C-alpha atoms as a PDB file:
ATOM      1  CA  MET A   1      10.738  19.074  30.052  1.00  0.00           C
ATOM      2  CA  LEU A   2      14.593  20.989  31.389  1.00  0.00           C
ATOM      3  CA  LEU A   3      13.732  22.946  35.032  1.00  0.00           C
ATOM      4  CA  HIS A   4      16.923  25.270  36.489  1.00  0.00           C
ATOM      5  CA  ASP A   5      16.444  27.355  38.577  1.00  0.00           C
ATOM      6  CA  GLY A   6      12.406  28.188  37.938  1.00  0.00           C
ATOM      7  CA  LEU A   7      14.219  28.229  33.990  1.00  0.00           C
ATOM      8  CA  VAL A   8      12.016  25.636  31.813  1.00  0.00           C
ATOM      9  CA  VAL A   9      12.384  24.593  28.699  1.00  0.00           C
ATOM     10  CA  PRO A  10      10.453  22.253  25.909  1.00  0.00           C
ATOM     11  CA  GLY A  11      12.245  19.056  25.508  1.00  0.00           C
ATOM     12  CA  VAL A  12      11.594  19.213  22.039  1.00  0.00           C
ATOM     13  CA  LEU A  13      14.060  22.340  22.703  1.00  0.00           C
ATOM     14  CA  ALA A  14      16.950  21.793  24.999  1.00  0.00           C
ATOM     15  CA  GLU A  15      18.694  19.440  21.761  1.00  0.00           C
ATOM     16  CA  GLU A  16      18.955  23.207  20.401  1.00  0.00           C
ATOM     17  CA  LEU A  17      19.281  25.441  23.813  1.00  0.00           C
ATOM     18  CA  ALA A  18      22.754  23.178  24.757  1.00  0.00           C
ATOM     19  CA  ALA A  19      23.878  23.350  20.857  1.00  0.00           C
ATOM     20  CA  ALA A  20      23.524  27.665  21.157  1.00  0.00           C
ATOM     21  CA  LEU A  21      25.181  27.836  24.460  1.00  0.00           C
ATOM     22  CA  ASP A  22      27.480  25.548  23.111  1.00  0.00           C
ATOM     23  CA  LEU A  23      28.044  28.017  20.237  1.00  0.00           C
ATOM     24  CA  VAL A  24      28.265  30.868  22.859  1.00  0.00           C
ATOM     25  CA  GLU A  25      31.034  29.113  24.668  1.00  0.00           C
ATOM     26  CA  ALA A  26      32.779  28.775  21.581  1.00  0.00           C
ATOM     27  CA  TYR A  27      32.620  32.631  20.390  1.00  0.00           C
ATOM     28  CA  GLY A  28      33.845  33.240  23.785  1.00  0.00           C
ATOM     29  CA  ALA A  29      37.097  30.955  23.953  1.00  0.00           C
ATOM     30  CA  ALA A  30      37.804  32.562  20.748  1.00  0.00           C
ATOM     31  CA  SER A  31      37.103  36.064  21.958  1.00  0.00           C
ATOM     32  CA  SER A  32      38.654  35.644  25.389  1.00  0.00           C
ATOM     33  CA  ASN A  33      41.948  37.547  24.679  1.00  0.00           C
ATOM     34  CA  LEU A  34      39.924  40.830  24.475  1.00  0.00           C
ATOM     35  CA  PRO A  35      40.829  43.382  26.531  1.00  0.00           C
ATOM     36  CA  GLY A  36      37.604  42.796  29.306  1.00  0.00           C
ATOM     37  CA  ARG A  37      36.573  39.911  27.978  1.00  0.00           C
ATOM     38  CA  ARG A  38      36.213  36.200  30.412  1.00  0.00           C
ATOM     39  CA  ARG A  39      36.528  33.066  29.541  1.00  0.00           C
ATOM     40  CA  GLY A  40      34.262  30.724  28.643  1.00  0.00           C
ATOM     41  CA  LEU A  41      30.316  30.368  30.640  1.00  0.00           C
ATOM     42  CA  SER A  42      29.356  31.902  33.369  1.00  0.00           C
ATOM     43  CA  ARG A  43      28.511  29.555  36.268  1.00  0.00           C
ATOM     44  CA  GLY A  44      24.862  29.831  35.415  1.00  0.00           C
ATOM     45  CA  VAL A  45      24.653  29.296  32.314  1.00  0.00           C
ATOM     46  CA  TRP A  46      26.706  26.638  32.520  1.00  0.00           C
ATOM     47  CA  ALA A  47      24.779  25.167  34.148  1.00  0.00           C
ATOM     48  CA  VAL A  48      21.702  25.921  32.485  1.00  0.00           C
ATOM     49  CA  ARG A  49      24.038  23.976  29.566  1.00  0.00           C
ATOM     50  CA  GLU A  50      24.449  21.336  31.186  1.00  0.00           C
ATOM     51  CA  VAL A  51      21.493  20.574  32.241  1.00  0.00           C
ATOM     52  CA  ALA A  52      20.140  20.856  29.029  1.00  0.00           C
ATOM     53  CA  ARG A  53      22.533  18.529  27.753  1.00  0.00           C
ATOM     54  CA  GLN A  54      20.632  15.945  29.426  1.00  0.00           C
ATOM     55  CA  ALA A  55      17.835  16.752  29.011  1.00  0.00           C
ATOM     56  CA  ALA A  56      17.957  16.374  25.357  1.00  0.00           C
ATOM     57  CA  VAL A  57      18.854  12.952  25.531  1.00  0.00           C
ATOM     58  CA  GLN A  58      16.521  12.174  28.811  1.00  0.00           C
ATOM     59  CA  PHE A  59      14.302  13.313  25.881  1.00  0.00           C
ATOM     60  CA  ARG A  60      15.614  11.438  22.676  1.00  0.00           C
ATOM     61  CA  GLU A  61      15.324   8.321  24.832  1.00  0.00           C
ATOM     62  CA  GLN A  62      11.726   9.184  25.176  1.00  0.00           C
ATOM     63  CA  GLN A  63      11.087   9.692  22.268  1.00  0.00           C
ATOM     64  CA  GLN A  64      12.692   6.792  21.207  1.00  0.00           C
ATOM     65  CA  ALA A  65      10.660   4.628  23.583  1.00  0.00           C
ATOM     66  CA  HIS A  66       7.239   5.710  22.383  1.00  0.00           C
ATOM     67  CA  ALA A  67       8.696   4.989  18.997  1.00  0.00           C
ATOM     68  CA  ALA A  68       9.341   1.689  19.714  1.00  0.00           C
ATOM     69  CA  ASN A  69       6.076   1.235  22.487  1.00  0.00           C
ATOM     70  CA  ALA A  70       3.604   2.515  19.811  1.00  0.00           C
ATOM     71  CA  ALA A  71       5.858   0.022  16.341  1.00  0.00           C
ATOM     72  CA  ALA A  72       4.811  -2.558  18.956  1.00  0.00           C
ATOM     73  CA  ASN A  73       0.944  -1.762  19.832  1.00  0.00           C
ATOM     74  CA  ALA A  74       0.193  -0.874  16.634  1.00  0.00           C
ATOM     75  CA  PRO A  75      -2.672  -3.078  15.063  1.00  0.00           C
ATOM     76  CA  VAL A  76      -1.843  -5.302  11.927  1.00  0.00           C
ATOM     77  CA  VAL A  77      -3.116  -3.235   9.092  1.00  0.00           C
ATOM     78  CA  THR A  78      -4.090  -5.456   5.823  1.00  0.00           C
ATOM     79  CA  VAL A  79      -4.108  -3.788   2.387  1.00  0.00           C
ATOM     80  CA  LEU A  80      -6.617  -4.218   0.368  1.00  0.00           C
ATOM     81  CA  VAL A  81      -5.364  -3.654  -3.079  1.00  0.00           C
ATOM     82  CA  PRO A  82      -8.148  -3.712  -6.558  1.00  0.00           C
ATOM     83  CA  ALA A  83      -8.679  -6.506  -8.689  1.00  0.00           C
ATOM     84  CA  LYS A  84      -6.502  -6.520 -11.626  1.00  0.00           C
ATOM     85  CA  ALA A  85      -8.105  -5.528 -14.544  1.00  0.00           C
ATOM     86  CA  ALA A  86      -6.579  -8.467 -16.708  1.00  0.00           C
ATOM     87  CA  ALA A  87      -8.746 -11.303 -17.190  1.00  0.00           C
ATOM     88  CA  GLU A  88      -5.348 -13.180 -15.931  1.00  0.00           C
ATOM     89  CA  SER A  89      -5.284 -12.406 -13.115  1.00  0.00           C
ATOM     90  CA  VAL A  90      -9.015 -13.685 -12.161  1.00  0.00           C
ATOM     91  CA  SER A  91      -8.712 -17.289 -11.009  1.00  0.00           C
ATOM     92  CA  GLU A  92     -12.844 -17.548 -12.183  1.00  0.00           C
ATOM     93  CA  ILE A  93     -15.650 -16.103 -14.531  1.00  0.00           C
ATOM     94  CA  THR A  94     -19.352 -15.957 -14.787  1.00  0.00           C
ATOM     95  CA  THR A  95     -21.479 -18.071 -17.382  1.00  0.00           C
ATOM     96  CA  GLU A  96     -21.973 -14.494 -19.338  1.00  0.00           C
ATOM     97  CA  GLN A  97     -18.820 -13.821 -18.886  1.00  0.00           C
ATOM     98  CA  ALA A  98     -17.812 -16.404 -20.249  1.00  0.00           C
ATOM     99  CA  ALA A  99     -20.580 -16.059 -23.245  1.00  0.00           C
ATOM    100  CA  THR A 100     -18.723 -12.395 -23.759  1.00  0.00           C
ATOM    101  CA  ILE A 101     -15.154 -13.807 -24.288  1.00  0.00           C
ATOM    102  CA  ALA A 102     -16.194 -16.633 -26.477  1.00  0.00           C
ATOM    103  CA  GLY A 103     -18.717 -14.928 -28.400  1.00  0.00           C
ATOM    104  CA  VAL A 104     -21.856 -17.732 -27.429  1.00  0.00           C
ATOM    105  CA  THR A 105     -24.473 -17.173 -25.766  1.00  0.00           C
ATOM    106  CA  GLU A 106     -24.944 -18.281 -21.567  1.00  0.00           C
ATOM    107  CA  ALA A 107     -26.724 -21.812 -22.560  1.00  0.00           C
ATOM    108  CA  ARG A 108     -23.863 -22.388 -24.701  1.00  0.00           C
ATOM    109  CA  ILE A 109     -21.893 -21.926 -22.156  1.00  0.00           C
ATOM    110  CA  ARG A 110     -23.490 -24.242 -19.691  1.00  0.00           C
ATOM    111  CA  GLN A 111     -23.373 -27.017 -22.030  1.00  0.00           C
ATOM    112  CA  LEU A 112     -20.383 -26.868 -22.560  1.00  0.00           C
ATOM    113  CA  ALA A 113     -19.303 -26.210 -19.087  1.00  0.00           C
ATOM    114  CA  THR A 114     -21.557 -29.642 -18.295  1.00  0.00           C
ATOM    115  CA  ALA A 115     -20.225 -31.629 -21.142  1.00  0.00           C
ATOM    116  CA  GLY A 116     -16.358 -30.850 -19.583  1.00  0.00           C
ATOM    117  CA  VAL A 117     -15.122 -28.471 -23.043  1.00  0.00           C
ATOM    118  CA  ILE A 118     -15.115 -25.868 -21.217  1.00  0.00           C
ATOM    119  CA  GLU A 119     -13.379 -26.827 -17.644  1.00  0.00           C
ATOM    120  CA  GLY A 120     -15.551 -25.137 -14.198  1.00  0.00           C
ATOM    121  CA  ARG A 121     -17.139 -25.688 -11.162  1.00  0.00           C
ATOM    122  CA  LYS A 122     -21.262 -25.757 -10.194  1.00  0.00           C
ATOM    123  CA  THR A 123     -21.583 -24.351  -6.710  1.00  0.00           C
ATOM    124  CA  SER A 124     -24.145 -25.417  -4.335  1.00  0.00           C
ATOM    125  CA  ARG A 125     -26.700 -22.445  -6.130  1.00  0.00           C
ATOM    126  CA  ASN A 126     -26.604 -23.896  -9.402  1.00  0.00           C
ATOM    127  CA  VAL A 127     -24.604 -21.111 -10.289  1.00  0.00           C
ATOM    128  CA  TRP A 128     -21.337 -22.549 -12.636  1.00  0.00           C
ATOM    129  CA  LEU A 129     -18.190 -20.794 -12.110  1.00  0.00           C
ATOM    130  CA  LEU A 130     -15.340 -20.671 -14.887  1.00  0.00           C
ATOM    131  CA  ASP A 131     -11.966 -21.283 -15.871  1.00  0.00           C
ATOM    132  CA  PRO A 132     -10.941 -18.176 -18.487  1.00  0.00           C
ATOM    133  CA  GLY A 133      -7.726 -20.427 -19.314  1.00  0.00           C
ATOM    134  CA  SER A 134     -10.606 -22.451 -20.630  1.00  0.00           C
ATOM    135  CA  VAL A 135     -12.518 -19.731 -21.788  1.00  0.00           C
ATOM    136  CA  ARG A 136     -10.338 -18.318 -23.813  1.00  0.00           C
ATOM    137  CA  ALA A 137      -9.011 -21.954 -25.161  1.00  0.00           C
ATOM    138  CA  TYR A 138     -12.595 -22.798 -26.331  1.00  0.00           C
ATOM    139  CA  ALA A 139     -12.836 -19.143 -28.002  1.00  0.00           C
ATOM    140  CA  HIS A 140      -9.658 -19.804 -29.677  1.00  0.00           C
ATOM    141  CA  ARG A 141     -10.225 -23.157 -30.723  1.00  0.00           C
ATOM    142  CA  ARG A 142     -13.317 -21.518 -32.417  1.00  0.00           C
ATOM    143  CA  GLY A 143     -11.870 -18.476 -33.991  1.00  0.00           C
ATOM    144  CA  GLY A 144     -13.959 -16.109 -32.065  1.00  0.00           C
ATOM    145  CA  HIS A 145     -12.739 -12.501 -30.589  1.00  0.00           C
ATOM    146  CA  HIS A 146     -13.877 -11.294 -27.514  1.00  0.00           C
ATOM    147  CA  GLY A 147     -16.761  -9.388 -28.395  1.00  0.00           C
ATOM    148  CA  ASP A 148     -17.494 -11.364 -31.283  1.00  0.00           C
ATOM    149  CA  HIS A 149     -21.214 -12.096 -31.666  1.00  0.00           C
ATOM    150  CA  THR A 150     -21.158 -12.639 -35.089  1.00  0.00           C
ATOM    151  CA  HIS A 151     -22.375 -15.881 -36.831  1.00  0.00           C
ATOM    152  CA  ARG A 152     -19.950 -17.317 -39.414  1.00  0.00           C
ATOM    153  CA  GLY A 153     -21.581 -19.605 -41.548  1.00  0.00           C
ATOM    154  CA  GLY A 154     -24.657 -17.891 -42.416  1.00  0.00           C
ATOM    155  CA  HIS A 155     -28.110 -18.656 -41.180  1.00  0.00           C
ATOM    156  CA  ARG A 156     -29.041 -22.591 -40.574  1.00  0.00           C
ATOM    157  CA  GLY A 157     -32.922 -22.865 -41.013  1.00  0.00           C
ATOM    158  CA  PRO A 158     -34.455 -25.937 -41.214  1.00  0.00           C
ATOM    159  CA  ALA A 159     -33.910 -28.439 -43.564  1.00  0.00           C
ATOM    160  CA  GLY A 160     -34.701 -27.430 -47.228  1.00  0.00           C
ATOM    161  CA  ALA A 161     -35.603 -23.034 -46.304  1.00  0.00           C
ATOM    162  CA  GLY A 162     -33.889 -20.766 -48.536  1.00  0.00           C
ATOM    163  CA  ALA A 163     -32.785 -23.935 -51.215  1.00  0.00           C
ATOM    164  CA  ALA A 164     -33.607 -22.130 -54.592  1.00  0.00           C
END
């Protein structure tokens, strides 16, 4: 805030006021060789310009101090990004997801995990969490494709069923 002889100017405008008065002085100096023109600023305008310069410097310093203080006291923000849709970005998947990828039932996935064919771990709630890379490798060895629930080789019924 600039205060000079009852004149109040907000700090944000002090720099602009000082620059405007510099232009007035420059214009006065350029036109000083005209008859009846005084050279430079009057004492009152010069004093206002000097106070405006000081206020502008003080205002800038206050703004920098506020910015530094705000940065120092700013809360730490952790940005959480949505999980990637690609299976490669997932560290563990459920038996339902694994069954879809491998093209088999959830029961078969649990059997394969228990046998160690598919890597995974069993949680305390008796839920399997499986390695997606291991499931994809099993699906590849099996010849299955993502979402492929068709059975190859025809129906296998009891021995002798369908024999002609």
